[in-house]
């Protein structure tokens, strides 16, 4: 049996951590560029890395929100693709995963779950 209370607590903590990180990234990206063109070029490269980190954080937030919705709906730990139970060991490593191990690779014609739809 999955301890959804502990999972929810861990997911909420990770969500708060990501929120803090994304605000820090946003603040860094809002800094005005350097007037020195060489320094501005380096800053632009840094900004591209920060933007990618920000996007990765936003993607993880979507997965966490979808997992929290599955907890609320009583569906946490159940694969959204095949309906089988997700192994607790898999959830230990990937607490926001919507898929069991066999279903993690889509078959031809299968689409990845739409996390935006699942999270709402």
PDB file of N, CA and C in Angstrom:
ATOM      1  N   UNK A   1       0.838  -1.190   0.000  1.00  0.00           N
ATOM      2  CA  UNK A   1       0.000   0.000   0.000  1.00  0.00           C
ATOM      3  C   UNK A   1       0.878   1.247   0.000  1.00  0.00           C
ATOM      4  N   UNK A   2       0.551   2.163  -0.857  1.00  0.00           N
ATOM      5  CA  UNK A   2       1.326   3.394  -0.996  1.00  0.00           C
ATOM      6  C   UNK A   2       0.885   4.405   0.064  1.00  0.00           C
ATOM      7  N   UNK A   3       1.867   5.000   0.742  1.00  0.00           N
ATOM      8  CA  UNK A   3       1.592   6.026   1.740  1.00  0.00           C
ATOM      9  C   UNK A   3       1.431   7.365   1.000  1.00  0.00           C
ATOM     10  N   UNK A   4       0.201   7.646   0.576  1.00  0.00           N
ATOM     11  CA  UNK A   4      -0.029   8.845  -0.229  1.00  0.00           C
ATOM     12  C   UNK A   4       0.190  10.124   0.579  1.00  0.00           C
ATOM     13  N   UNK A   5       0.001  10.064   1.885  1.00  0.00           N
ATOM     14  CA  UNK A   5       0.229  11.250   2.713  1.00  0.00           C
ATOM     15  C   UNK A   5       1.702  11.662   2.660  1.00  0.00           C
ATOM     16  N   UNK A   6       2.585  10.685   2.788  1.00  0.00           N
ATOM     17  CA  UNK A   6       4.021  10.969   2.713  1.00  0.00           C
ATOM     18  C   UNK A   6       4.413  11.407   1.300  1.00  0.00           C
ATOM     19  N   UNK A   7       3.822  10.758   0.291  1.00  0.00           N
ATOM     20  CA  UNK A   7       4.118  11.141  -1.097  1.00  0.00           C
ATOM     21  C   UNK A   7       3.662  12.570  -1.362  1.00  0.00           C
ATOM     22  N   UNK A   8       2.474  12.911  -0.877  1.00  0.00           N
ATOM     23  CA  UNK A   8       1.958  14.258  -1.078  1.00  0.00           C
ATOM     24  C   UNK A   8       2.869  15.285  -0.409  1.00  0.00           C
ATOM     25  N   UNK A   9       3.315  14.985   0.786  1.00  0.00           N
ATOM     26  CA  UNK A   9       4.203  15.893   1.506  1.00  0.00           C
ATOM     27  C   UNK A   9       5.502  16.106   0.725  1.00  0.00           C
ATOM     28  N   UNK A  10       6.086  15.029   0.216  1.00  0.00           N
ATOM     29  CA  UNK A  10       7.326  15.121  -0.555  1.00  0.00           C
ATOM     30  C   UNK A  10       7.109  15.897  -1.858  1.00  0.00           C
ATOM     31  N   UNK A  11       5.998  15.629  -2.528  1.00  0.00           N
ATOM     32  CA  UNK A  11       5.701  16.339  -3.778  1.00  0.00           C
ATOM     33  C   UNK A  11       5.470  17.828  -3.519  1.00  0.00           C
ATOM     34  N   UNK A  12       4.795  18.165  -2.449  1.00  0.00           N
ATOM     35  CA  UNK A  12       4.557  19.567  -2.105  1.00  0.00           C
ATOM     36  C   UNK A  12       5.873  20.273  -1.772  1.00  0.00           C
ATOM     37  N   UNK A  13       6.766  19.581  -1.073  1.00  0.00           N
ATOM     38  CA  UNK A  13       8.073  20.162  -0.752  1.00  0.00           C
ATOM     39  C   UNK A  13       8.868  20.424  -2.028  1.00  0.00           C
ATOM     40  N   UNK A  14       8.839  19.473  -2.951  1.00  0.00           N
ATOM     41  CA  UNK A  14       9.545  19.645  -4.220  1.00  0.00           C
ATOM     42  C   UNK A  14       8.927  20.786  -5.024  1.00  0.00           C
ATOM     43  N   UNK A  15       7.612  20.911  -4.983  1.00  0.00           N
ATOM     44  CA  UNK A  15       6.931  21.999  -5.679  1.00  0.00           C
ATOM     45  C   UNK A  15       7.385  23.351  -5.121  1.00  0.00           C
ATOM     46  N   UNK A  16       7.493  23.466  -3.807  1.00  0.00           N
ATOM     47  CA  UNK A  16       7.955  24.711  -3.188  1.00  0.00           C
ATOM     48  C   UNK A  16       9.400  25.009  -3.582  1.00  0.00           C
ATOM     49  N   UNK A  17      10.226  23.972  -3.611  1.00  0.00           N
ATOM     50  CA  UNK A  17      11.623  24.127  -4.019  1.00  0.00           C
ATOM     51  C   UNK A  17      11.724  24.627  -5.465  1.00  0.00           C
ATOM     52  N   UNK A  18      10.927  24.032  -6.339  1.00  0.00           N
ATOM     53  CA  UNK A  18      10.932  24.459  -7.744  1.00  0.00           C
ATOM     54  C   UNK A  18      10.421  25.882  -7.893  1.00  0.00           C
ATOM     55  N   UNK A  19       9.417  26.248  -7.132  1.00  0.00           N
ATOM     56  CA  UNK A  19       8.876  27.598  -7.194  1.00  0.00           C
ATOM     57  C   UNK A  19       9.954  28.612  -6.818  1.00  0.00           C
ATOM     58  N   UNK A  20      10.697  28.317  -5.761  1.00  0.00           N
ATOM     59  CA  UNK A  20      11.789  29.198  -5.347  1.00  0.00           C
ATOM     60  C   UNK A  20      12.841  29.291  -6.441  1.00  0.00           C
ATOM     61  N   UNK A  21      13.227  28.143  -6.991  1.00  0.00           N
ATOM     62  CA  UNK A  21      14.249  28.137  -8.035  1.00  0.00           C
ATOM     63  C   UNK A  21      13.799  28.918  -9.265  1.00  0.00           C
ATOM     64  N   UNK A  22      12.540  28.734  -9.671  1.00  0.00           N
ATOM     65  CA  UNK A  22      12.047  29.438 -10.855  1.00  0.00           C
ATOM     66  C   UNK A  22      11.996  30.946 -10.638  1.00  0.00           C
ATOM     67  N   UNK A  23      11.678  31.377  -9.418  1.00  0.00           N
ATOM     68  CA  UNK A  23      11.689  32.811  -9.133  1.00  0.00           C
ATOM     69  C   UNK A  23      13.112  33.362  -9.195  1.00  0.00           C
ATOM     70  N   UNK A  24      14.078  32.589  -8.704  1.00  0.00           N
ATOM     71  CA  UNK A  24      15.479  33.013  -8.781  1.00  0.00           C
ATOM     72  C   UNK A  24      15.930  33.119 -10.235  1.00  0.00           C
ATOM     73  N   UNK A  25      15.534  32.158 -11.052  1.00  0.00           N
ATOM     74  CA  UNK A  25      15.882  32.187 -12.476  1.00  0.00           C
ATOM     75  C   UNK A  25      15.246  33.405 -13.141  1.00  0.00           C
ATOM     76  N   UNK A  26      13.983  33.640 -12.836  1.00  0.00           N
ATOM     77  CA  UNK A  26      13.277  34.788 -13.410  1.00  0.00           C
ATOM     78  C   UNK A  26      13.962  36.093 -13.023  1.00  0.00           C
ATOM     79  N   UNK A  27      14.346  36.206 -11.751  1.00  0.00           N
ATOM     80  CA  UNK A  27      15.040  37.414 -11.295  1.00  0.00           C
ATOM     81  C   UNK A  27      16.361  37.605 -12.041  1.00  0.00           C
ATOM     82  N   UNK A  28      17.101  36.516 -12.223  1.00  0.00           N
ATOM     83  CA  UNK A  28      18.384  36.591 -12.935  1.00  0.00           C
ATOM     84  C   UNK A  28      18.171  36.996 -14.390  1.00  0.00           C
ATOM     85  N   UNK A  29      17.141  36.452 -15.016  1.00  0.00           N
ATOM     86  CA  UNK A  29      16.863  36.787 -16.418  1.00  0.00           C
ATOM     87  C   UNK A  29      16.385  38.228 -16.586  1.00  0.00           C
ATOM     88  N   UNK A  30      15.819  38.804 -15.523  1.00  0.00           N
ATOM     89  CA  UNK A  30      15.331  40.181 -15.579  1.00  0.00           C
ATOM     90  C   UNK A  30      16.446  41.218 -15.432  1.00  0.00           C
ATOM     91  N   UNK A  31      17.652  40.782 -15.040  1.00  0.00           N
ATOM     92  CA  UNK A  31      18.768  41.716 -14.899  1.00  0.00           C
ATOM     93  C   UNK A  31      19.093  42.343 -16.249  1.00  0.00           C
ATOM     94  N   UNK A  32      19.363  43.650 -16.258  1.00  0.00           N
ATOM     95  CA  UNK A  32      19.695  44.291 -17.536  1.00  0.00           C
ATOM     96  C   UNK A  32      21.025  43.760 -18.083  1.00  0.00           C
ATOM     97  N   UNK A  33      21.134  43.668 -19.398  1.00  0.00           N
ATOM     98  CA  UNK A  33      22.374  43.144 -19.981  1.00  0.00           C
ATOM     99  C   UNK A  33      23.530  44.128 -19.803  1.00  0.00           C
ATOM    100  N   UNK A  34      24.723  43.598 -19.827  1.00  0.00           N
ATOM    101  CA  UNK A  34      25.931  44.404 -19.729  1.00  0.00           C
ATOM    102  C   UNK A  34      26.068  45.275 -20.971  1.00  0.00           C
ATOM    103  N   UNK A  35      26.704  46.448 -20.808  1.00  0.00           N
ATOM    104  CA  UNK A  35      26.938  47.329 -21.949  1.00  0.00           C
ATOM    105  C   UNK A  35      28.150  46.887 -22.757  1.00  0.00           C
ATOM    106  N   UNK A  36      29.005  46.100 -22.141  1.00  0.00           N
ATOM    107  CA  UNK A  36      30.162  45.559 -22.837  1.00  0.00           C
ATOM    108  C   UNK A  36      29.685  44.409 -23.718  1.00  0.00           C
ATOM    109  N   UNK A  37      29.940  44.489 -25.025  1.00  0.00           N
ATOM    110  CA  UNK A  37      29.382  43.504 -25.951  1.00  0.00           C
ATOM    111  C   UNK A  37      29.909  42.102 -25.696  1.00  0.00           C
ATOM    112  N   UNK A  38      31.173  41.952 -25.285  1.00  0.00           N
ATOM    113  CA  UNK A  38      31.708  40.623 -24.995  1.00  0.00           C
ATOM    114  C   UNK A  38      31.024  40.026 -23.761  1.00  0.00           C
ATOM    115  N   UNK A  39      30.882  40.858 -22.758  1.00  0.00           N
ATOM    116  CA  UNK A  39      30.207  40.405 -21.540  1.00  0.00           C
ATOM    117  C   UNK A  39      28.734  40.105 -21.829  1.00  0.00           C
ATOM    118  N   UNK A  40      28.106  40.906 -22.675  1.00  0.00           N
ATOM    119  CA  UNK A  40      26.706  40.684 -23.038  1.00  0.00           C
ATOM    120  C   UNK A  40      26.540  39.345 -23.758  1.00  0.00           C
ATOM    121  N   UNK A  41      27.517  38.974 -24.584  1.00  0.00           N
ATOM    122  CA  UNK A  41      27.451  37.690 -25.294  1.00  0.00           C
ATOM    123  C   UNK A  41      27.523  36.523 -24.318  1.00  0.00           C
ATOM    124  N   UNK A  42      28.394  36.622 -23.333  1.00  0.00           N
ATOM    125  CA  UNK A  42      28.503  35.576 -22.308  1.00  0.00           C
ATOM    126  C   UNK A  42      27.211  35.516 -21.497  1.00  0.00           C
ATOM    127  N   UNK A  43      26.677  36.682 -21.149  1.00  0.00           N
ATOM    128  CA  UNK A  43      25.425  36.715 -20.391  1.00  0.00           C
ATOM    129  C   UNK A  43      24.287  36.076 -21.184  1.00  0.00           C
ATOM    130  N   UNK A  44      24.268  36.303 -22.505  1.00  0.00           N
ATOM    131  CA  UNK A  44      23.209  35.714 -23.339  1.00  0.00           C
ATOM    132  C   UNK A  44      23.301  34.195 -23.335  1.00  0.00           C
ATOM    133  N   UNK A  45      24.514  33.675 -23.389  1.00  0.00           N
ATOM    134  CA  UNK A  45      24.696  32.219 -23.293  1.00  0.00           C
ATOM    135  C   UNK A  45      24.198  31.712 -21.940  1.00  0.00           C
ATOM    136  N   UNK A  46      24.540  32.446 -20.889  1.00  0.00           N
ATOM    137  CA  UNK A  46      24.070  32.065 -19.549  1.00  0.00           C
ATOM    138  C   UNK A  46      22.545  32.109 -19.485  1.00  0.00           C
ATOM    139  N   UNK A  47      21.955  33.128 -20.110  1.00  0.00           N
ATOM    140  CA  UNK A  47      20.498  33.252 -20.122  1.00  0.00           C
ATOM    141  C   UNK A  47      19.841  32.061 -20.822  1.00  0.00           C
ATOM    142  N   UNK A  48      20.467  31.586 -21.894  1.00  0.00           N
ATOM    143  CA  UNK A  48      19.913  30.429 -22.603  1.00  0.00           C
ATOM    144  C   UNK A  48      19.904  29.190 -21.698  1.00  0.00           C
ATOM    145  N   UNK A  49      20.960  29.023 -20.922  1.00  0.00           N
ATOM    146  CA  UNK A  49      21.017  27.905 -19.970  1.00  0.00           C
ATOM    147  C   UNK A  49      19.938  28.083 -18.906  1.00  0.00           C
ATOM    148  N   UNK A  50      19.811  29.299 -18.386  1.00  0.00           N
ATOM    149  CA  UNK A  50      18.790  29.561 -17.370  1.00  0.00           C
ATOM    150  C   UNK A  50      17.385  29.327 -17.920  1.00  0.00           C
ATOM    151  N   UNK A  51      17.157  29.723 -19.162  1.00  0.00           N
ATOM    152  CA  UNK A  51      15.837  29.506 -19.772  1.00  0.00           C
ATOM    153  C   UNK A  51      15.535  28.015 -19.882  1.00  0.00           C
ATOM    154  N   UNK A  52      16.533  27.221 -20.242  1.00  0.00           N
ATOM    155  CA  UNK A  52      16.329  25.776 -20.334  1.00  0.00           C
ATOM    156  C   UNK A  52      16.062  25.173 -18.953  1.00  0.00           C
ATOM    157  N   UNK A  53      16.799  25.640 -17.951  1.00  0.00           N
ATOM    158  CA  UNK A  53      16.547  25.171 -16.584  1.00  0.00           C
ATOM    159  C   UNK A  53      15.145  25.558 -16.137  1.00  0.00           C
ATOM    160  N   UNK A  54      14.730  26.764 -16.497  1.00  0.00           N
ATOM    161  CA  UNK A  54      13.382  27.210 -16.161  1.00  0.00           C
ATOM    162  C   UNK A  54      12.323  26.353 -16.825  1.00  0.00           C
ATOM    163  N   UNK A  55      12.535  26.014 -18.086  1.00  0.00           N
ATOM    164  CA  UNK A  55      11.570  25.162 -18.794  1.00  0.00           C
ATOM    165  C   UNK A  55      11.516  23.772 -18.173  1.00  0.00           C
ATOM    166  N   UNK A  56      12.672  23.235 -17.818  1.00  0.00           N
ATOM    167  CA  UNK A  56      12.704  21.920 -17.157  1.00  0.00           C
ATOM    168  C   UNK A  56      11.954  21.970 -15.833  1.00  0.00           C
ATOM    169  N   UNK A  57      12.130  23.064 -15.093  1.00  0.00           N
ATOM    170  CA  UNK A  57      11.415  23.228 -13.827  1.00  0.00           C
ATOM    171  C   UNK A  57       9.912  23.321 -14.037  1.00  0.00           C
ATOM    172  N   UNK A  58       9.493  24.047 -15.066  1.00  0.00           N
ATOM    173  CA  UNK A  58       8.058  24.160 -15.364  1.00  0.00           C
ATOM    174  C   UNK A  58       7.475  22.807 -15.763  1.00  0.00           C
ATOM    175  N   UNK A  59       8.247  22.036 -16.524  1.00  0.00           N
ATOM    176  CA  UNK A  59       7.782  20.700 -16.913  1.00  0.00           C
ATOM    177  C   UNK A  59       7.616  19.809 -15.684  1.00  0.00           C
ATOM    178  N   UNK A  60       8.572  19.897 -14.758  1.00  0.00           N
ATOM    179  CA  UNK A  60       8.472  19.096 -13.538  1.00  0.00           C
ATOM    180  C   UNK A  60       7.281  19.535 -12.692  1.00  0.00           C
ATOM    181  N   UNK A  61       7.018  20.826 -12.645  1.00  0.00           N
ATOM    182  CA  UNK A  61       5.858  21.333 -11.906  1.00  0.00           C
ATOM    183  C   UNK A  61       4.569  20.737 -12.477  1.00  0.00           C
ATOM    184  N   UNK A  62       4.467  20.675 -13.798  1.00  0.00           N
ATOM    185  CA  UNK A  62       3.286  20.057 -14.417  1.00  0.00           C
ATOM    186  C   UNK A  62       3.135  18.602 -13.992  1.00  0.00           C
ATOM    187  N   UNK A  63       4.249  17.871 -13.991  1.00  0.00           N
ATOM    188  CA  UNK A  63       4.195  16.452 -13.585  1.00  0.00           C
ATOM    189  C   UNK A  63       3.799  16.317 -12.120  1.00  0.00           C
ATOM    190  N   UNK A  64       4.316  17.198 -11.276  1.00  0.00           N
ATOM    191  CA  UNK A  64       3.976  17.142  -9.848  1.00  0.00           C
ATOM    192  C   UNK A  64       2.510  17.481  -9.631  1.00  0.00           C
ATOM    193  N   UNK A  65       2.027  18.506 -10.298  1.00  0.00           N
ATOM    194  CA  UNK A  65       0.608  18.866 -10.150  1.00  0.00           C
ATOM    195  C   UNK A  65      -0.303  17.733 -10.616  1.00  0.00           C
ATOM    196  N   UNK A  66       0.101  17.061 -11.696  1.00  0.00           N
ATOM    197  CA  UNK A  66      -0.680  15.917 -12.179  1.00  0.00           C
ATOM    198  C   UNK A  66      -0.662  14.796 -11.139  1.00  0.00           C
ATOM    199  N   UNK A  67       0.496  14.562 -10.519  1.00  0.00           N
ATOM    200  CA  UNK A  67       0.589  13.525  -9.477  1.00  0.00           C
ATOM    201  C   UNK A  67      -0.269  13.893  -8.270  1.00  0.00           C
ATOM    202  N   UNK A  68      -0.263  15.160  -7.885  1.00  0.00           N
ATOM    203  CA  UNK A  68      -1.092  15.600  -6.756  1.00  0.00           C
ATOM    204  C   UNK A  68      -2.576  15.444  -7.079  1.00  0.00           C
ATOM    205  N   UNK A  69      -2.943  15.695  -8.313  1.00  0.00           N
ATOM    206  CA  UNK A  69      -4.338  15.477  -8.723  1.00  0.00           C
ATOM    207  C   UNK A  69      -4.691  13.999  -8.633  1.00  0.00           C
ATOM    208  N   UNK A  70      -3.769  13.132  -9.059  1.00  0.00           N
ATOM    209  CA  UNK A  70      -4.031  11.695  -8.961  1.00  0.00           C
ATOM    210  C   UNK A  70      -4.176  11.274  -7.494  1.00  0.00           C
ATOM    211  N   UNK A  71      -3.417  11.887  -6.601  1.00  0.00           N
ATOM    212  CA  UNK A  71      -3.573  11.599  -5.168  1.00  0.00           C
ATOM    213  C   UNK A  71      -4.968  12.027  -4.720  1.00  0.00           C
ATOM    214  N   UNK A  72      -5.374  13.251  -5.074  1.00  0.00           N
ATOM    215  CA  UNK A  72      -6.708  13.747  -4.691  1.00  0.00           C
ATOM    216  C   UNK A  72      -7.818  12.853  -5.225  1.00  0.00           C
ATOM    217  N   UNK A  73      -7.631  12.363  -6.449  1.00  0.00           N
ATOM    218  CA  UNK A  73      -8.648  11.547  -7.102  1.00  0.00           C
ATOM    219  C   UNK A  73      -8.592  10.074  -6.694  1.00  0.00           C
ATOM    220  N   UNK A  74      -7.621   9.721  -5.850  1.00  0.00           N
ATOM    221  CA  UNK A  74      -7.482   8.323  -5.434  1.00  0.00           C
ATOM    222  C   UNK A  74      -6.902   7.431  -6.516  1.00  0.00           C
ATOM    223  N   UNK A  75      -6.188   8.028  -7.468  1.00  0.00           N
ATOM    224  CA  UNK A  75      -5.638   7.273  -8.598  1.00  0.00           C
ATOM    225  C   UNK A  75      -4.114   7.231  -8.605  1.00  0.00           C
ATOM    226  N   UNK A  76      -3.493   7.736  -7.545  1.00  0.00           N
ATOM    227  CA  UNK A  76      -2.036   7.766  -7.489  1.00  0.00           C
ATOM    228  C   UNK A  76      -1.496   6.337  -7.402  1.00  0.00           C
ATOM    229  N   UNK A  77      -0.458   6.079  -8.170  1.00  0.00           N
ATOM    230  CA  UNK A  77       0.134   4.748  -8.178  1.00  0.00           C
ATOM    231  C   UNK A  77      -0.509   3.807  -9.176  1.00  0.00           C
ATOM    232  N   UNK A  78      -1.462   4.322  -9.943  1.00  0.00           N
ATOM    233  CA  UNK A  78      -2.120   3.537 -10.989  1.00  0.00           C
ATOM    234  C   UNK A  78      -1.698   4.122 -12.328  1.00  0.00           C
ATOM    235  N   UNK A  79      -1.201   3.297 -13.207  1.00  0.00           N
ATOM    236  CA  UNK A  79      -0.716   3.733 -14.520  1.00  0.00           C
ATOM    237  C   UNK A  79      -1.858   4.358 -15.320  1.00  0.00           C
ATOM    238  N   UNK A  80      -1.619   5.559 -15.846  1.00  0.00           N
ATOM    239  CA  UNK A  80      -2.656   6.242 -16.622  1.00  0.00           C
ATOM    240  C   UNK A  80      -2.823   5.629 -18.004  1.00  0.00           C
ATOM    241  N   UNK A  81      -1.867   4.842 -18.436  1.00  0.00           N
ATOM    242  CA  UNK A  81      -1.962   4.229 -19.755  1.00  0.00           C
ATOM    243  C   UNK A  81      -2.651   2.865 -19.705  1.00  0.00           C
ATOM    244  N   UNK A  82      -2.216   1.984 -18.784  1.00  0.00           N
ATOM    245  CA  UNK A  82      -2.747   0.614 -18.812  1.00  0.00           C
ATOM    246  C   UNK A  82      -3.604   0.261 -17.593  1.00  0.00           C
ATOM    247  N   UNK A  83      -3.571   1.101 -16.551  1.00  0.00           N
ATOM    248  CA  UNK A  83      -4.381   0.838 -15.361  1.00  0.00           C
ATOM    249  C   UNK A  83      -3.747  -0.104 -14.359  1.00  0.00           C
ATOM    250  N   UNK A  84      -2.542  -0.615 -14.641  1.00  0.00           N
ATOM    251  CA  UNK A  84      -1.838  -1.474 -13.682  1.00  0.00           C
ATOM    252  C   UNK A  84      -1.248  -0.621 -12.568  1.00  0.00           C
ATOM    253  N   UNK A  85      -0.918  -1.283 -11.467  1.00  0.00           N
ATOM    254  CA  UNK A  85      -0.253  -0.585 -10.372  1.00  0.00           C
ATOM    255  C   UNK A  85       1.172  -0.220 -10.777  1.00  0.00           C
ATOM    256  N   UNK A  86       1.612   0.956 -10.326  1.00  0.00           N
ATOM    257  CA  UNK A  86       3.000   1.365 -10.518  1.00  0.00           C
ATOM    258  C   UNK A  86       3.767   0.849  -9.311  1.00  0.00           C
ATOM    259  N   UNK A  87       4.887   0.186  -9.555  1.00  0.00           N
ATOM    260  CA  UNK A  87       5.680  -0.399  -8.469  1.00  0.00           C
ATOM    261  C   UNK A  87       6.106   0.686  -7.479  1.00  0.00           C
ATOM    262  N   UNK A  88       5.958   0.418  -6.171  1.00  0.00           N
ATOM    263  CA  UNK A  88       6.390   1.400  -5.170  1.00  0.00           C
ATOM    264  C   UNK A  88       7.855   1.803  -5.337  1.00  0.00           C
ATOM    265  N   UNK A  89       8.687   0.857  -5.774  1.00  0.00           N
ATOM    266  CA  UNK A  89      10.106   1.180  -5.991  1.00  0.00           C
ATOM    267  C   UNK A  89      10.266   2.223  -7.102  1.00  0.00           C
ATOM    268  N   UNK A  90       9.421   2.138  -8.116  1.00  0.00           N
ATOM    269  CA  UNK A  90       9.454   3.125  -9.204  1.00  0.00           C
ATOM    270  C   UNK A  90       8.997   4.486  -8.682  1.00  0.00           C
ATOM    271  N   UNK A  91       7.966   4.484  -7.850  1.00  0.00           N
ATOM    272  CA  UNK A  91       7.479   5.740  -7.277  1.00  0.00           C
ATOM    273  C   UNK A  91       8.490   6.338  -6.296  1.00  0.00           C
ATOM    274  N   UNK A  92       9.314   5.493  -5.671  1.00  0.00           N
ATOM    275  CA  UNK A  92      10.368   6.007  -4.797  1.00  0.00           C
ATOM    276  C   UNK A  92      11.354   6.854  -5.591  1.00  0.00           C
ATOM    277  N   UNK A  93      11.636   6.421  -6.807  1.00  0.00           N
ATOM    278  CA  UNK A  93      12.601   7.109  -7.658  1.00  0.00           C
ATOM    279  C   UNK A  93      11.947   8.244  -8.441  1.00  0.00           C
ATOM    280  N   UNK A  94      10.742   8.001  -8.933  1.00  0.00           N
ATOM    281  CA  UNK A  94      10.011   8.966  -9.763  1.00  0.00           C
ATOM    282  C   UNK A  94       8.618   9.191  -9.172  1.00  0.00           C
ATOM    283  N   UNK A  95       8.527   9.943  -8.088  1.00  0.00           N
ATOM    284  CA  UNK A  95       7.226  10.065  -7.405  1.00  0.00           C
ATOM    285  C   UNK A  95       6.138  10.732  -8.233  1.00  0.00           C
ATOM    286  N   UNK A  96       6.512  11.416  -9.311  1.00  0.00           N
ATOM    287  CA  UNK A  96       5.495  12.075 -10.135  1.00  0.00           C
ATOM    288  C   UNK A  96       5.165  11.295 -11.400  1.00  0.00           C
ATOM    289  N   UNK A  97       5.699  10.083 -11.544  1.00  0.00           N
ATOM    290  CA  UNK A  97       5.472   9.340 -12.778  1.00  0.00           C
ATOM    291  C   UNK A  97       4.016   8.895 -12.912  1.00  0.00           C
ATOM    292  N   UNK A  98       3.454   9.068 -14.118  1.00  0.00           N
ATOM    293  CA  UNK A  98       2.087   8.601 -14.346  1.00  0.00           C
ATOM    294  C   UNK A  98       2.047   7.191 -14.946  1.00  0.00           C
ATOM    295  N   UNK A  99       3.233   6.614 -15.220  1.00  0.00           N
ATOM    296  CA  UNK A  99       3.287   5.356 -15.963  1.00  0.00           C
ATOM    297  C   UNK A  99       4.024   4.259 -15.198  1.00  0.00           C
ATOM    298  N   UNK A 100       3.527   3.033 -15.346  1.00  0.00           N
ATOM    299  CA  UNK A 100       4.259   1.884 -14.824  1.00  0.00           C
ATOM    300  C   UNK A 100       5.448   1.630 -15.748  1.00  0.00           C
ATOM    301  N   UNK A 101       6.372   0.809 -15.296  1.00  0.00           N
ATOM    302  CA  UNK A 101       7.578   0.565 -16.085  1.00  0.00           C
ATOM    303  C   UNK A 101       7.280  -0.001 -17.475  1.00  0.00           C
ATOM    304  N   UNK A 102       6.415  -1.023 -17.600  1.00  0.00           N
ATOM    305  CA  UNK A 102       6.153  -1.541 -18.952  1.00  0.00           C
ATOM    306  C   UNK A 102       5.493  -0.520 -19.880  1.00  0.00           C
ATOM    307  N   UNK A 103       4.726   0.395 -19.335  1.00  0.00           N
ATOM    308  CA  UNK A 103       4.002   1.361 -20.168  1.00  0.00           C
ATOM    309  C   UNK A 103       4.801   2.628 -20.436  1.00  0.00           C
ATOM    310  N   UNK A 104       5.988   2.741 -19.880  1.00  0.00           N
ATOM    311  CA  UNK A 104       6.741   3.992 -20.014  1.00  0.00           C
ATOM    312  C   UNK A 104       7.181   4.289 -21.437  1.00  0.00           C
ATOM    313  N   UNK A 105       7.351   3.250 -22.254  1.00  0.00           N
ATOM    314  CA  UNK A 105       7.708   3.444 -23.656  1.00  0.00           C
ATOM    315  C   UNK A 105       6.447   3.312 -24.507  1.00  0.00           C
ATOM    316  N   UNK A 106       6.086   4.381 -25.199  1.00  0.00           N
ATOM    317  CA  UNK A 106       4.857   4.309 -26.000  1.00  0.00           C
ATOM    318  C   UNK A 106       5.008   3.346 -27.173  1.00  0.00           C
ATOM    319  N   UNK A 107       3.955   2.615 -27.430  1.00  0.00           N
ATOM    320  CA  UNK A 107       3.909   1.777 -28.628  1.00  0.00           C
ATOM    321  C   UNK A 107       3.648   2.678 -29.814  1.00  0.00           C
ATOM    322  N   UNK A 108       3.808   2.138 -30.973  1.00  0.00           N
ATOM    323  CA  UNK A 108       3.485   2.933 -32.158  1.00  0.00           C
ATOM    324  C   UNK A 108       2.022   3.339 -32.104  1.00  0.00           C
ATOM    325  N   UNK A 109       1.807   4.595 -32.342  1.00  0.00           N
ATOM    326  CA  UNK A 109       0.439   5.102 -32.339  1.00  0.00           C
ATOM    327  C   UNK A 109      -0.016   5.599 -30.976  1.00  0.00           C
ATOM    328  N   UNK A 110       0.699   5.206 -29.899  1.00  0.00           N
ATOM    329  CA  UNK A 110       0.349   5.695 -28.572  1.00  0.00           C
ATOM    330  C   UNK A 110       0.999   7.047 -28.346  1.00  0.00           C
ATOM    331  N   UNK A 111       0.269   7.949 -27.794  1.00  0.00           N
ATOM    332  CA  UNK A 111       0.820   9.261 -27.482  1.00  0.00           C
ATOM    333  C   UNK A 111       1.182   9.299 -26.001  1.00  0.00           C
ATOM    334  N   UNK A 112       2.145  10.146 -25.673  1.00  0.00           N
ATOM    335  CA  UNK A 112       2.482  10.362 -24.274  1.00  0.00           C
ATOM    336  C   UNK A 112       1.272  11.002 -23.587  1.00  0.00           C
ATOM    337  N   UNK A 113       1.083  10.745 -22.287  1.00  0.00           N
ATOM    338  CA  UNK A 113      -0.036  11.376 -21.587  1.00  0.00           C
ATOM    339  C   UNK A 113       0.104  12.894 -21.633  1.00  0.00           C
ATOM    340  N   UNK A 114      -0.995  13.588 -21.824  1.00  0.00           N
ATOM    341  CA  UNK A 114      -1.002  15.050 -21.843  1.00  0.00           C
ATOM    342  C   UNK A 114      -1.056  15.528 -20.405  1.00  0.00           C
ATOM    343  N   UNK A 115       0.102  15.955 -19.871  1.00  0.00           N
ATOM    344  CA  UNK A 115       0.179  16.351 -18.474  1.00  0.00           C
ATOM    345  C   UNK A 115      -0.641  17.594 -18.195  1.00  0.00           C
ATOM    346  N   UNK A 116      -0.792  18.452 -19.157  1.00  0.00           N
ATOM    347  CA  UNK A 116      -1.611  19.645 -18.944  1.00  0.00           C
ATOM    348  C   UNK A 116      -3.069  19.260 -18.691  1.00  0.00           C
ATOM    349  N   UNK A 117      -3.539  18.239 -19.407  1.00  0.00           N
ATOM    350  CA  UNK A 117      -4.921  17.769 -19.221  1.00  0.00           C
ATOM    351  C   UNK A 117      -5.044  17.025 -17.898  1.00  0.00           C
ATOM    352  N   UNK A 118      -4.047  16.211 -17.574  1.00  0.00           N
ATOM    353  CA  UNK A 118      -4.086  15.404 -16.352  1.00  0.00           C
ATOM    354  C   UNK A 118      -4.028  16.279 -15.120  1.00  0.00           C
ATOM    355  N   UNK A 119      -3.274  17.402 -15.173  1.00  0.00           N
ATOM    356  CA  UNK A 119      -3.066  18.257 -14.012  1.00  0.00           C
ATOM    357  C   UNK A 119      -4.251  19.151 -13.702  1.00  0.00           C
ATOM    358  N   UNK A 120      -5.205  19.241 -14.594  1.00  0.00           N
ATOM    359  CA  UNK A 120      -6.323  20.150 -14.342  1.00  0.00           C
ATOM    360  C   UNK A 120      -7.478  19.470 -13.666  1.00  0.00           C
TER     361      UNK A 120
END
